[in-house]
Amino acid sequence: MTGPSDVTRARRMFLENPSTNLQVLVRNRYTWMNDFIGPDVKQKTTEADLNYIIKQFNARVSVFYIDQKYSNNAGERKQFGVGLQVQL
């Protein structure tokens, strides 16, 4: 590759010689979703993020909330999280 952003060549190399391990990983990573999705299933996602930058410490504090609901009553998923990013 001519550089780290040579996406065209990387894509061509992947399609010409696909990795079996990657194919299995991707297939298994998303097959569990088939129980929850279908042609008529709709998903509603609500997300809120709050970030605060602390300049004197080169840091950022973040809080997030994600709420996912499905129209077929397949479940509801809520996530809360707190993050801290420090730049050295």
N, C-alpha and C. Protein backbone atom coordinates (compact mmCIF):
# COMPACT_ATOMS: atom_id res chain seq x y z
N MET A 1 0.83 -1.18 0.00
CA MET A 1 0.00 0.00 0.00
C MET A 1 0.88 1.24 0.00
N THR A 2 0.37 2.28 -0.61
CA THR A 2 1.14 3.51 -0.68
C THR A 2 1.05 4.30 0.62
N GLY A 3 0.07 4.02 1.43
CA GLY A 3 -0.08 4.73 2.70
C GLY A 3 -1.18 4.10 3.52
N PRO A 4 -1.36 4.56 4.76
CA PRO A 4 -2.37 3.96 5.63
C PRO A 4 -3.79 4.24 5.16
N SER A 5 -3.98 5.18 4.24
CA SER A 5 -5.33 5.50 3.79
C SER A 5 -5.62 4.99 2.39
N ASP A 6 -4.90 3.99 1.94
CA ASP A 6 -5.11 3.42 0.62
C ASP A 6 -6.27 2.42 0.69
N VAL A 7 -7.46 2.95 0.85
CA VAL A 7 -8.66 2.13 1.05
C VAL A 7 -8.99 1.31 -0.19
N THR A 8 -8.83 1.88 -1.35
CA THR A 8 -9.15 1.17 -2.58
C THR A 8 -8.34 -0.11 -2.72
N ARG A 9 -7.06 -0.01 -2.48
CA ARG A 9 -6.21 -1.20 -2.58
C ARG A 9 -6.51 -2.21 -1.47
N ALA A 10 -6.74 -1.72 -0.25
CA ALA A 10 -7.05 -2.62 0.86
C ALA A 10 -8.35 -3.38 0.59
N ARG A 11 -9.35 -2.69 0.05
CA ARG A 11 -10.63 -3.33 -0.26
C ARG A 11 -10.44 -4.38 -1.36
N ARG A 12 -9.68 -4.03 -2.39
CA ARG A 12 -9.44 -4.98 -3.48
C ARG A 12 -8.71 -6.22 -2.97
N MET A 13 -7.70 -6.01 -2.11
CA MET A 13 -6.96 -7.14 -1.56
C MET A 13 -7.86 -8.04 -0.72
N PHE A 14 -8.76 -7.44 0.05
CA PHE A 14 -9.68 -8.22 0.87
C PHE A 14 -10.64 -9.03 0.01
N LEU A 15 -11.18 -8.41 -1.04
CA LEU A 15 -12.15 -9.10 -1.89
C LEU A 15 -11.49 -10.21 -2.73
N GLU A 16 -10.23 -10.00 -3.12
CA GLU A 16 -9.54 -11.02 -3.90
C GLU A 16 -9.09 -12.21 -3.06
N ASN A 17 -8.73 -11.96 -1.82
CA ASN A 17 -8.23 -13.03 -0.96
C ASN A 17 -8.81 -12.85 0.45
N PRO A 18 -10.11 -13.14 0.62
CA PRO A 18 -10.73 -12.89 1.92
C PRO A 18 -10.21 -13.84 3.00
N SER A 19 -10.11 -13.33 4.19
CA SER A 19 -9.67 -14.10 5.34
C SER A 19 -10.82 -14.95 5.87
N THR A 20 -10.60 -16.25 5.99
CA THR A 20 -11.64 -17.14 6.51
C THR A 20 -11.98 -16.77 7.95
N ASN A 21 -10.97 -16.45 8.74
CA ASN A 21 -11.22 -16.08 10.13
C ASN A 21 -12.10 -14.84 10.22
N LEU A 22 -11.85 -13.86 9.37
CA LEU A 22 -12.64 -12.65 9.39
C LEU A 22 -14.07 -12.92 8.96
N GLN A 23 -14.27 -13.76 7.95
CA GLN A 23 -15.62 -14.10 7.51
C GLN A 23 -16.41 -14.76 8.62
N VAL A 24 -15.79 -15.70 9.34
CA VAL A 24 -16.47 -16.38 10.45
C VAL A 24 -16.78 -15.38 11.56
N LEU A 25 -15.83 -14.52 11.87
CA LEU A 25 -16.03 -13.53 12.92
C LEU A 25 -17.19 -12.60 12.59
N VAL A 26 -17.23 -12.08 11.40
CA VAL A 26 -18.30 -11.15 11.01
C VAL A 26 -19.64 -11.87 10.97
N ARG A 27 -19.69 -13.08 10.43
CA ARG A 27 -20.94 -13.84 10.36
C ARG A 27 -21.49 -14.09 11.76
N ASN A 28 -20.64 -14.55 12.68
CA ASN A 28 -21.09 -14.85 14.03
C ASN A 28 -21.37 -13.60 14.85
N ARG A 29 -20.71 -12.52 14.52
CA ARG A 29 -20.90 -11.27 15.26
C ARG A 29 -22.31 -10.73 15.06
N TYR A 30 -22.90 -10.94 13.89
CA TYR A 30 -24.18 -10.32 13.60
C TYR A 30 -25.35 -11.30 13.46
N THR A 31 -25.13 -12.61 13.48
CA THR A 31 -26.24 -13.53 13.30
C THR A 31 -27.22 -13.51 14.46
N TRP A 32 -26.78 -13.19 15.66
CA TRP A 32 -27.70 -13.13 16.80
C TRP A 32 -28.79 -12.09 16.59
N MET A 33 -28.55 -11.10 15.74
CA MET A 33 -29.53 -10.05 15.50
C MET A 33 -30.75 -10.54 14.75
N ASN A 34 -30.63 -11.67 14.04
CA ASN A 34 -31.74 -12.17 13.25
C ASN A 34 -32.97 -12.48 14.09
N ASP A 35 -32.80 -12.77 15.37
CA ASP A 35 -33.94 -13.02 16.25
C ASP A 35 -34.72 -11.75 16.53
N PHE A 36 -34.10 -10.60 16.36
CA PHE A 36 -34.71 -9.34 16.73
C PHE A 36 -35.14 -8.50 15.54
N ILE A 37 -34.65 -8.82 14.35
CA ILE A 37 -34.96 -7.98 13.20
C ILE A 37 -35.72 -8.79 12.15
N GLY A 38 -36.37 -8.10 11.30
CA GLY A 38 -37.12 -8.69 10.21
C GLY A 38 -37.54 -7.56 9.29
N PRO A 39 -38.31 -7.88 8.25
CA PRO A 39 -38.66 -6.84 7.29
C PRO A 39 -39.57 -5.76 7.88
N ASP A 40 -40.35 -6.10 8.92
CA ASP A 40 -41.30 -5.13 9.46
C ASP A 40 -40.88 -4.57 10.82
N VAL A 41 -39.71 -4.91 11.28
CA VAL A 41 -39.26 -4.47 12.60
C VAL A 41 -38.62 -3.10 12.50
N LYS A 42 -39.02 -2.23 13.38
CA LYS A 42 -38.45 -0.89 13.44
C LYS A 42 -37.73 -0.73 14.77
N GLN A 43 -36.66 0.02 14.75
CA GLN A 43 -35.88 0.27 15.95
C GLN A 43 -35.85 1.77 16.20
N LYS A 44 -36.10 2.15 17.43
CA LYS A 44 -36.02 3.56 17.81
C LYS A 44 -34.87 3.70 18.80
N THR A 45 -33.95 4.60 18.51
CA THR A 45 -32.79 4.82 19.36
C THR A 45 -32.79 6.26 19.84
N THR A 46 -32.65 6.41 21.15
CA THR A 46 -32.51 7.72 21.76
C THR A 46 -31.14 7.76 22.41
N GLU A 47 -30.37 8.79 22.10
CA GLU A 47 -29.02 8.89 22.64
C GLU A 47 -28.75 10.30 23.12
N ALA A 48 -28.10 10.40 24.27
CA ALA A 48 -27.69 11.69 24.81
C ALA A 48 -26.24 11.59 25.27
N ASP A 49 -25.45 12.58 24.92
CA ASP A 49 -24.04 12.62 25.29
C ASP A 49 -23.73 13.98 25.90
N LEU A 50 -22.88 13.97 26.90
CA LEU A 50 -22.44 15.20 27.51
C LEU A 50 -20.93 15.09 27.73
N ASN A 51 -20.19 16.06 27.22
CA ASN A 51 -18.73 16.08 27.36
C ASN A 51 -18.31 17.38 28.03
N TYR A 52 -17.32 17.28 28.88
CA TYR A 52 -16.77 18.46 29.54
C TYR A 52 -15.26 18.41 29.41
N ILE A 53 -14.68 19.47 28.87
CA ILE A 53 -13.23 19.53 28.65
C ILE A 53 -12.58 20.29 29.80
N ILE A 54 -11.54 19.68 30.37
CA ILE A 54 -10.77 20.29 31.45
C ILE A 54 -9.42 20.68 30.84
N LYS A 55 -9.29 21.93 30.42
CA LYS A 55 -8.10 22.37 29.68
C LYS A 55 -6.81 22.24 30.47
N GLN A 56 -6.83 22.62 31.74
CA GLN A 56 -5.58 22.62 32.50
C GLN A 56 -5.02 21.21 32.72
N PHE A 57 -5.83 20.15 32.55
CA PHE A 57 -5.36 18.77 32.69
C PHE A 57 -5.33 18.02 31.36
N ASN A 58 -5.63 18.71 30.24
CA ASN A 58 -5.72 18.06 28.93
C ASN A 58 -6.61 16.82 29.03
N ALA A 59 -7.78 16.97 29.60
CA ALA A 59 -8.67 15.83 29.85
C ALA A 59 -10.09 16.15 29.40
N ARG A 60 -10.84 15.09 29.20
CA ARG A 60 -12.25 15.22 28.87
C ARG A 60 -13.03 14.18 29.66
N VAL A 61 -14.12 14.61 30.26
CA VAL A 61 -15.01 13.72 30.98
C VAL A 61 -16.29 13.63 30.16
N SER A 62 -16.81 12.42 29.99
CA SER A 62 -18.02 12.25 29.20
C SER A 62 -19.01 11.34 29.91
N VAL A 63 -20.28 11.60 29.66
CA VAL A 63 -21.37 10.80 30.17
C VAL A 63 -22.29 10.53 29.00
N PHE A 64 -22.81 9.29 28.90
CA PHE A 64 -23.73 9.00 27.80
C PHE A 64 -24.88 8.12 28.26
N TYR A 65 -25.96 8.18 27.49
CA TYR A 65 -27.16 7.37 27.73
C TYR A 65 -27.69 6.94 26.36
N ILE A 66 -27.97 5.65 26.21
CA ILE A 66 -28.53 5.12 24.97
C ILE A 66 -29.74 4.25 25.33
N ASP A 67 -30.85 4.47 24.63
CA ASP A 67 -32.07 3.69 24.84
C ASP A 67 -32.52 3.17 23.48
N GLN A 68 -32.60 1.84 23.33
CA GLN A 68 -33.03 1.23 22.07
C GLN A 68 -34.30 0.42 22.31
N LYS A 69 -35.30 0.65 21.46
CA LYS A 69 -36.57 -0.06 21.56
C LYS A 69 -36.92 -0.63 20.20
N TYR A 70 -37.55 -1.81 20.19
CA TYR A 70 -37.94 -2.48 18.95
C TYR A 70 -39.45 -2.55 18.85
N SER A 71 -39.98 -2.43 17.64
CA SER A 71 -41.42 -2.43 17.43
C SER A 71 -42.05 -3.80 17.64
N ASN A 72 -41.28 -4.88 17.58
CA ASN A 72 -41.85 -6.22 17.75
C ASN A 72 -41.72 -6.73 19.19
N ASN A 73 -41.49 -5.80 20.14
CA ASN A 73 -41.34 -6.13 21.55
C ASN A 73 -40.26 -7.18 21.79
N ALA A 74 -39.21 -7.16 20.99
CA ALA A 74 -38.12 -8.13 21.13
C ALA A 74 -37.19 -7.76 22.27
N GLY A 75 -37.46 -6.67 22.90
CA GLY A 75 -36.62 -6.29 24.02
C GLY A 75 -36.29 -4.82 23.99
N GLU A 76 -35.70 -4.42 25.05
CA GLU A 76 -35.30 -3.03 25.19
C GLU A 76 -33.89 -3.03 25.75
N ARG A 77 -33.09 -2.13 25.28
CA ARG A 77 -31.69 -2.08 25.72
C ARG A 77 -31.36 -0.66 26.15
N LYS A 78 -30.89 -0.53 27.38
CA LYS A 78 -30.49 0.77 27.89
C LYS A 78 -29.06 0.69 28.34
N GLN A 79 -28.29 1.73 28.05
CA GLN A 79 -26.90 1.80 28.47
C GLN A 79 -26.63 3.17 29.08
N PHE A 80 -25.87 3.15 30.15
CA PHE A 80 -25.37 4.37 30.77
C PHE A 80 -23.85 4.23 30.83
N GLY A 81 -23.14 5.31 30.70
CA GLY A 81 -21.69 5.20 30.78
C GLY A 81 -21.02 6.50 31.15
N VAL A 82 -19.84 6.36 31.69
CA VAL A 82 -19.00 7.49 32.06
C VAL A 82 -17.62 7.24 31.47
N GLY A 83 -17.01 8.27 30.93
CA GLY A 83 -15.68 8.09 30.33
C GLY A 83 -14.73 9.19 30.76
N LEU A 84 -13.46 8.87 30.73
CA LEU A 84 -12.42 9.83 31.02
C LEU A 84 -11.32 9.66 29.99
N GLN A 85 -10.98 10.75 29.33
CA GLN A 85 -9.92 10.73 28.32
C GLN A 85 -8.86 11.75 28.72
N VAL A 86 -7.63 11.28 28.85
CA VAL A 86 -6.52 12.15 29.22
C VAL A 86 -5.49 12.11 28.12
N GLN A 87 -5.04 13.27 27.69
CA GLN A 87 -4.02 13.33 26.65
C GLN A 87 -2.69 13.66 27.29
N LEU A 88 -1.73 12.77 27.07
CA LEU A 88 -0.41 12.97 27.68
C LEU A 88 0.52 13.71 26.76
